[in-house]
Amino acid sequence: MSHELRTPLNAILGFTQLMQGDQTINTEQQENLDIIIASGEHLLSLIKDVLDMSEV
């Protein structure tokens, strides 16, 4: 279950981080990428917590 949830989310985060390195994006696009990354990292944390609780 962990793999099925984390792999797609890690792909999204990885590509988003690559896009942040693009010097041609404007400020609004950068802010949107920051939101995607923050939300994705929060979701990964929630997934980890749920999976940890399911082991108990």
PDB file of N, CA and C in Angstrom:
ATOM      1  N   MET A   1       0.820  -1.196   0.000  1.00  0.00           N
ATOM      2  CA  MET A   1       0.000   0.000   0.000  1.00  0.00           C
ATOM      3  C   MET A   1       0.865   1.263   0.000  1.00  0.00           C
ATOM      4  N   SER A   2       1.904   1.250   0.772  1.00  0.00           N
ATOM      5  CA  SER A   2       2.783   2.415   0.872  1.00  0.00           C
ATOM      6  C   SER A   2       3.353   2.800  -0.486  1.00  0.00           C
ATOM      7  N   HIS A   3       3.818   1.820  -1.208  1.00  0.00           N
ATOM      8  CA  HIS A   3       4.435   2.070  -2.516  1.00  0.00           C
ATOM      9  C   HIS A   3       3.440   2.707  -3.485  1.00  0.00           C
ATOM     10  N   GLU A   4       2.209   2.210  -3.500  1.00  0.00           N
ATOM     11  CA  GLU A   4       1.191   2.711  -4.421  1.00  0.00           C
ATOM     12  C   GLU A   4       0.818   4.161  -4.123  1.00  0.00           C
ATOM     13  N   LEU A   5       0.954   4.574  -2.877  1.00  0.00           N
ATOM     14  CA  LEU A   5       0.627   5.949  -2.508  1.00  0.00           C
ATOM     15  C   LEU A   5       1.813   6.889  -2.671  1.00  0.00           C
ATOM     16  N   ARG A   6       2.968   6.446  -2.266  1.00  0.00           N
ATOM     17  CA  ARG A   6       4.128   7.331  -2.239  1.00  0.00           C
ATOM     18  C   ARG A   6       4.774   7.547  -3.604  1.00  0.00           C
ATOM     19  N   THR A   7       4.818   6.531  -4.442  1.00  0.00           N
ATOM     20  CA  THR A   7       5.516   6.657  -5.723  1.00  0.00           C
ATOM     21  C   THR A   7       4.928   7.756  -6.616  1.00  0.00           C
ATOM     22  N   PRO A   8       3.616   7.791  -6.842  1.00  0.00           N
ATOM     23  CA  PRO A   8       3.080   8.871  -7.682  1.00  0.00           C
ATOM     24  C   PRO A   8       3.294  10.251  -7.062  1.00  0.00           C
ATOM     25  N   LEU A   9       3.143  10.336  -5.761  1.00  0.00           N
ATOM     26  CA  LEU A   9       3.322  11.624  -5.093  1.00  0.00           C
ATOM     27  C   LEU A   9       4.776  12.071  -5.171  1.00  0.00           C
ATOM     28  N   ASN A  10       5.716  11.159  -5.009  1.00  0.00           N
ATOM     29  CA  ASN A  10       7.125  11.511  -5.134  1.00  0.00           C
ATOM     30  C   ASN A  10       7.469  11.949  -6.553  1.00  0.00           C
ATOM     31  N   ALA A  11       6.822  11.363  -7.550  1.00  0.00           N
ATOM     32  CA  ALA A  11       7.039  11.788  -8.933  1.00  0.00           C
ATOM     33  C   ALA A  11       6.557  13.227  -9.128  1.00  0.00           C
ATOM     34  N   ILE A  12       5.393  13.534  -8.585  1.00  0.00           N
ATOM     35  CA  ILE A  12       4.866  14.900  -8.683  1.00  0.00           C
ATOM     36  C   ILE A  12       5.814  15.881  -8.006  1.00  0.00           C
ATOM     37  N   LEU A  13       6.262  15.542  -6.799  1.00  0.00           N
ATOM     38  CA  LEU A  13       7.177  16.428  -6.071  1.00  0.00           C
ATOM     39  C   LEU A  13       8.500  16.585  -6.814  1.00  0.00           C
ATOM     40  N   GLY A  14       9.002  15.497  -7.374  1.00  0.00           N
ATOM     41  CA  GLY A  14      10.265  15.565  -8.095  1.00  0.00           C
ATOM     42  C   GLY A  14      10.190  16.467  -9.318  1.00  0.00           C
ATOM     43  N   PHE A  15       9.154  16.292 -10.109  1.00  0.00           N
ATOM     44  CA  PHE A  15       9.008  17.133 -11.296  1.00  0.00           C
ATOM     45  C   PHE A  15       8.746  18.584 -10.925  1.00  0.00           C
ATOM     46  N   THR A  16       8.020  18.804  -9.847  1.00  0.00           N
ATOM     47  CA  THR A  16       7.773  20.169  -9.387  1.00  0.00           C
ATOM     48  C   THR A  16       9.073  20.839  -8.966  1.00  0.00           C
ATOM     49  N   GLN A  17       9.931  20.095  -8.273  1.00  0.00           N
ATOM     50  CA  GLN A  17      11.220  20.649  -7.869  1.00  0.00           C
ATOM     51  C   GLN A  17      12.103  20.927  -9.073  1.00  0.00           C
ATOM     52  N   LEU A  18      12.030  20.090 -10.087  1.00  0.00           N
ATOM     53  CA  LEU A  18      12.776  20.366 -11.321  1.00  0.00           C
ATOM     54  C   LEU A  18      12.273  21.649 -11.983  1.00  0.00           C
ATOM     55  N   MET A  19      10.966  21.836 -11.980  1.00  0.00           N
ATOM     56  CA  MET A  19      10.386  23.028 -12.585  1.00  0.00           C
ATOM     57  C   MET A  19      10.803  24.296 -11.843  1.00  0.00           C
ATOM     58  N   GLN A  20      11.049  24.176 -10.544  1.00  0.00           N
ATOM     59  CA  GLN A  20      11.479  25.346  -9.771  1.00  0.00           C
ATOM     60  C   GLN A  20      12.824  25.869 -10.257  1.00  0.00           C
ATOM     61  N   GLY A  21      13.628  25.008 -10.826  1.00  0.00           N
ATOM     62  CA  GLY A  21      14.934  25.430 -11.316  1.00  0.00           C
ATOM     63  C   GLY A  21      14.890  26.172 -12.641  1.00  0.00           C
ATOM     64  N   ASP A  22      13.720  26.203 -13.267  1.00  0.00           N
ATOM     65  CA  ASP A  22      13.560  26.891 -14.553  1.00  0.00           C
ATOM     66  C   ASP A  22      13.601  28.402 -14.326  1.00  0.00           C
ATOM     67  N   GLN A  23      14.545  29.055 -14.946  1.00  0.00           N
ATOM     68  CA  GLN A  23      14.729  30.497 -14.752  1.00  0.00           C
ATOM     69  C   GLN A  23      13.680  31.333 -15.494  1.00  0.00           C
ATOM     70  N   THR A  24      12.873  30.696 -16.350  1.00  0.00           N
ATOM     71  CA  THR A  24      11.912  31.463 -17.153  1.00  0.00           C
ATOM     72  C   THR A  24      10.528  31.548 -16.508  1.00  0.00           C
ATOM     73  N   ILE A  25      10.308  30.893 -15.358  1.00  0.00           N
ATOM     74  CA  ILE A  25       8.988  30.966 -14.745  1.00  0.00           C
ATOM     75  C   ILE A  25       8.817  32.286 -14.007  1.00  0.00           C
ATOM     76  N   ASN A  26       7.580  32.770 -13.996  1.00  0.00           N
ATOM     77  CA  ASN A  26       7.328  34.044 -13.328  1.00  0.00           C
ATOM     78  C   ASN A  26       7.005  33.836 -11.848  1.00  0.00           C
ATOM     79  N   THR A  27       6.787  34.914 -11.138  1.00  0.00           N
ATOM     80  CA  THR A  27       6.567  34.866  -9.695  1.00  0.00           C
ATOM     81  C   THR A  27       5.312  34.072  -9.335  1.00  0.00           C
ATOM     82  N   GLU A  28       4.245  34.270 -10.080  1.00  0.00           N
ATOM     83  CA  GLU A  28       3.003  33.543  -9.795  1.00  0.00           C
ATOM     84  C   GLU A  28       3.205  32.041  -9.981  1.00  0.00           C
ATOM     85  N   GLN A  29       3.899  31.657 -11.022  1.00  0.00           N
ATOM     86  CA  GLN A  29       4.172  30.242 -11.256  1.00  0.00           C
ATOM     87  C   GLN A  29       5.042  29.671 -10.141  1.00  0.00           C
ATOM     88  N   GLN A  30       6.019  30.444  -9.674  1.00  0.00           N
ATOM     89  CA  GLN A  30       6.881  30.003  -8.575  1.00  0.00           C
ATOM     90  C   GLN A  30       6.061  29.792  -7.310  1.00  0.00           C
ATOM     91  N   GLU A  31       5.150  30.711  -7.034  1.00  0.00           N
ATOM     92  CA  GLU A  31       4.285  30.579  -5.856  1.00  0.00           C
ATOM     93  C   GLU A  31       3.409  29.334  -5.964  1.00  0.00           C
ATOM     94  N   ASN A  32       2.901  29.062  -7.150  1.00  0.00           N
ATOM     95  CA  ASN A  32       2.081  27.861  -7.355  1.00  0.00           C
ATOM     96  C   ASN A  32       2.905  26.599  -7.144  1.00  0.00           C
ATOM     97  N   LEU A  33       4.136  26.570  -7.620  1.00  0.00           N
ATOM     98  CA  LEU A  33       5.013  25.424  -7.404  1.00  0.00           C
ATOM     99  C   LEU A  33       5.302  25.241  -5.920  1.00  0.00           C
ATOM    100  N   ASP A  34       5.505  26.342  -5.203  1.00  0.00           N
ATOM    101  CA  ASP A  34       5.731  26.276  -3.758  1.00  0.00           C
ATOM    102  C   ASP A  34       4.524  25.656  -3.041  1.00  0.00           C
ATOM    103  N   ILE A  35       3.322  26.009  -3.482  1.00  0.00           N
ATOM    104  CA  ILE A  35       2.107  25.458  -2.890  1.00  0.00           C
ATOM    105  C   ILE A  35       2.025  23.964  -3.157  1.00  0.00           C
ATOM    106  N   ILE A  36       2.333  23.552  -4.385  1.00  0.00           N
ATOM    107  CA  ILE A  36       2.297  22.125  -4.733  1.00  0.00           C
ATOM    108  C   ILE A  36       3.280  21.350  -3.866  1.00  0.00           C
ATOM    109  N   ILE A  37       4.485  21.873  -3.720  1.00  0.00           N
ATOM    110  CA  ILE A  37       5.506  21.179  -2.931  1.00  0.00           C
ATOM    111  C   ILE A  37       5.101  21.101  -1.462  1.00  0.00           C
ATOM    112  N   ALA A  38       4.640  22.208  -0.894  1.00  0.00           N
ATOM    113  CA  ALA A  38       4.231  22.204   0.513  1.00  0.00           C
ATOM    114  C   ALA A  38       3.067  21.238   0.738  1.00  0.00           C
ATOM    115  N   SER A  39       2.101  21.256  -0.151  1.00  0.00           N
ATOM    116  CA  SER A  39       0.951  20.362  -0.016  1.00  0.00           C
ATOM    117  C   SER A  39       1.362  18.904  -0.186  1.00  0.00           C
ATOM    118  N   GLY A  40       2.232  18.632  -1.134  1.00  0.00           N
ATOM    119  CA  GLY A  40       2.695  17.268  -1.361  1.00  0.00           C
ATOM    120  C   GLY A  40       3.479  16.725  -0.183  1.00  0.00           C
ATOM    121  N   GLU A  41       4.340  17.558   0.378  1.00  0.00           N
ATOM    122  CA  GLU A  41       5.114  17.119   1.538  1.00  0.00           C
ATOM    123  C   GLU A  41       4.203  16.875   2.739  1.00  0.00           C
ATOM    124  N   HIS A  42       3.187  17.718   2.891  1.00  0.00           N
ATOM    125  CA  HIS A  42       2.225  17.518   3.981  1.00  0.00           C
ATOM    126  C   HIS A  42       1.465  16.207   3.770  1.00  0.00           C
ATOM    127  N   LEU A  43       1.060  15.948   2.540  1.00  0.00           N
ATOM    128  CA  LEU A  43       0.351  14.705   2.241  1.00  0.00           C
ATOM    129  C   LEU A  43       1.235  13.487   2.492  1.00  0.00           C
ATOM    130  N   LEU A  44       2.521  13.564   2.119  1.00  0.00           N
ATOM    131  CA  LEU A  44       3.442  12.459   2.413  1.00  0.00           C
ATOM    132  C   LEU A  44       3.536  12.207   3.910  1.00  0.00           C
ATOM    133  N   SER A  45       3.563  13.274   4.681  1.00  0.00           N
ATOM    134  CA  SER A  45       3.620  13.145   6.134  1.00  0.00           C
ATOM    135  C   SER A  45       2.355  12.471   6.675  1.00  0.00           C
ATOM    136  N   LEU A  46       1.207  12.859   6.155  1.00  0.00           N
ATOM    137  CA  LEU A  46      -0.046  12.240   6.580  1.00  0.00           C
ATOM    138  C   LEU A  46      -0.095  10.765   6.211  1.00  0.00           C
ATOM    139  N   ILE A  47       0.367  10.433   5.011  1.00  0.00           N
ATOM    140  CA  ILE A  47       0.402   9.037   4.577  1.00  0.00           C
ATOM    141  C   ILE A  47       1.291   8.229   5.509  1.00  0.00           C
ATOM    142  N   LYS A  48       2.453   8.779   5.845  1.00  0.00           N
ATOM    143  CA  LYS A  48       3.377   8.095   6.753  1.00  0.00           C
ATOM    144  C   LYS A  48       2.711   7.856   8.106  1.00  0.00           C
ATOM    145  N   ASP A  49       2.038   8.873   8.634  1.00  0.00           N
ATOM    146  CA  ASP A  49       1.369   8.735   9.931  1.00  0.00           C
ATOM    147  C   ASP A  49       0.275   7.674   9.893  1.00  0.00           C
ATOM    148  N   VAL A  50      -0.523   7.671   8.831  1.00  0.00           N
ATOM    149  CA  VAL A  50      -1.590   6.677   8.714  1.00  0.00           C
ATOM    150  C   VAL A  50      -1.006   5.279   8.612  1.00  0.00           C
ATOM    151  N   LEU A  51       0.040   5.117   7.820  1.00  0.00           N
ATOM    152  CA  LEU A  51       0.661   3.801   7.680  1.00  0.00           C
ATOM    153  C   LEU A  51       1.310   3.346   8.988  1.00  0.00           C
ATOM    154  N   ASP A  52       1.893   4.282   9.726  1.00  0.00           N
ATOM    155  CA  ASP A  52       2.467   3.950  11.030  1.00  0.00           C
ATOM    156  C   ASP A  52       1.374   3.491  12.002  1.00  0.00           C
ATOM    157  N   MET A  53       0.251   4.173  11.991  1.00  0.00           N
ATOM    158  CA  MET A  53      -0.847   3.806  12.887  1.00  0.00           C
ATOM    159  C   MET A  53      -1.444   2.457  12.497  1.00  0.00           C
ATOM    160  N   SER A  54      -1.442   2.147  11.222  1.00  0.00           N
ATOM    161  CA  SER A  54      -2.019   0.878  10.791  1.00  0.00           C
ATOM    162  C   SER A  54      -1.173  -0.317  11.198  1.00  0.00           C
ATOM    163  N   GLU A  55       0.114  -0.067  11.512  1.00  0.00           N
ATOM    164  CA  GLU A  55       0.997  -1.129  11.945  1.00  0.00           C
ATOM    165  C   GLU A  55       0.769  -1.512  13.408  1.00  0.00           C
ATOM    166  N   VAL A  56       0.148  -0.607  14.145  1.00  0.00           N
ATOM    167  CA  VAL A  56      -0.057  -0.839  15.583  1.00  0.00           C
ATOM    168  C   VAL A  56      -1.095  -1.887  15.826  1.00  0.00           C
TER     169      VAL A  56
END
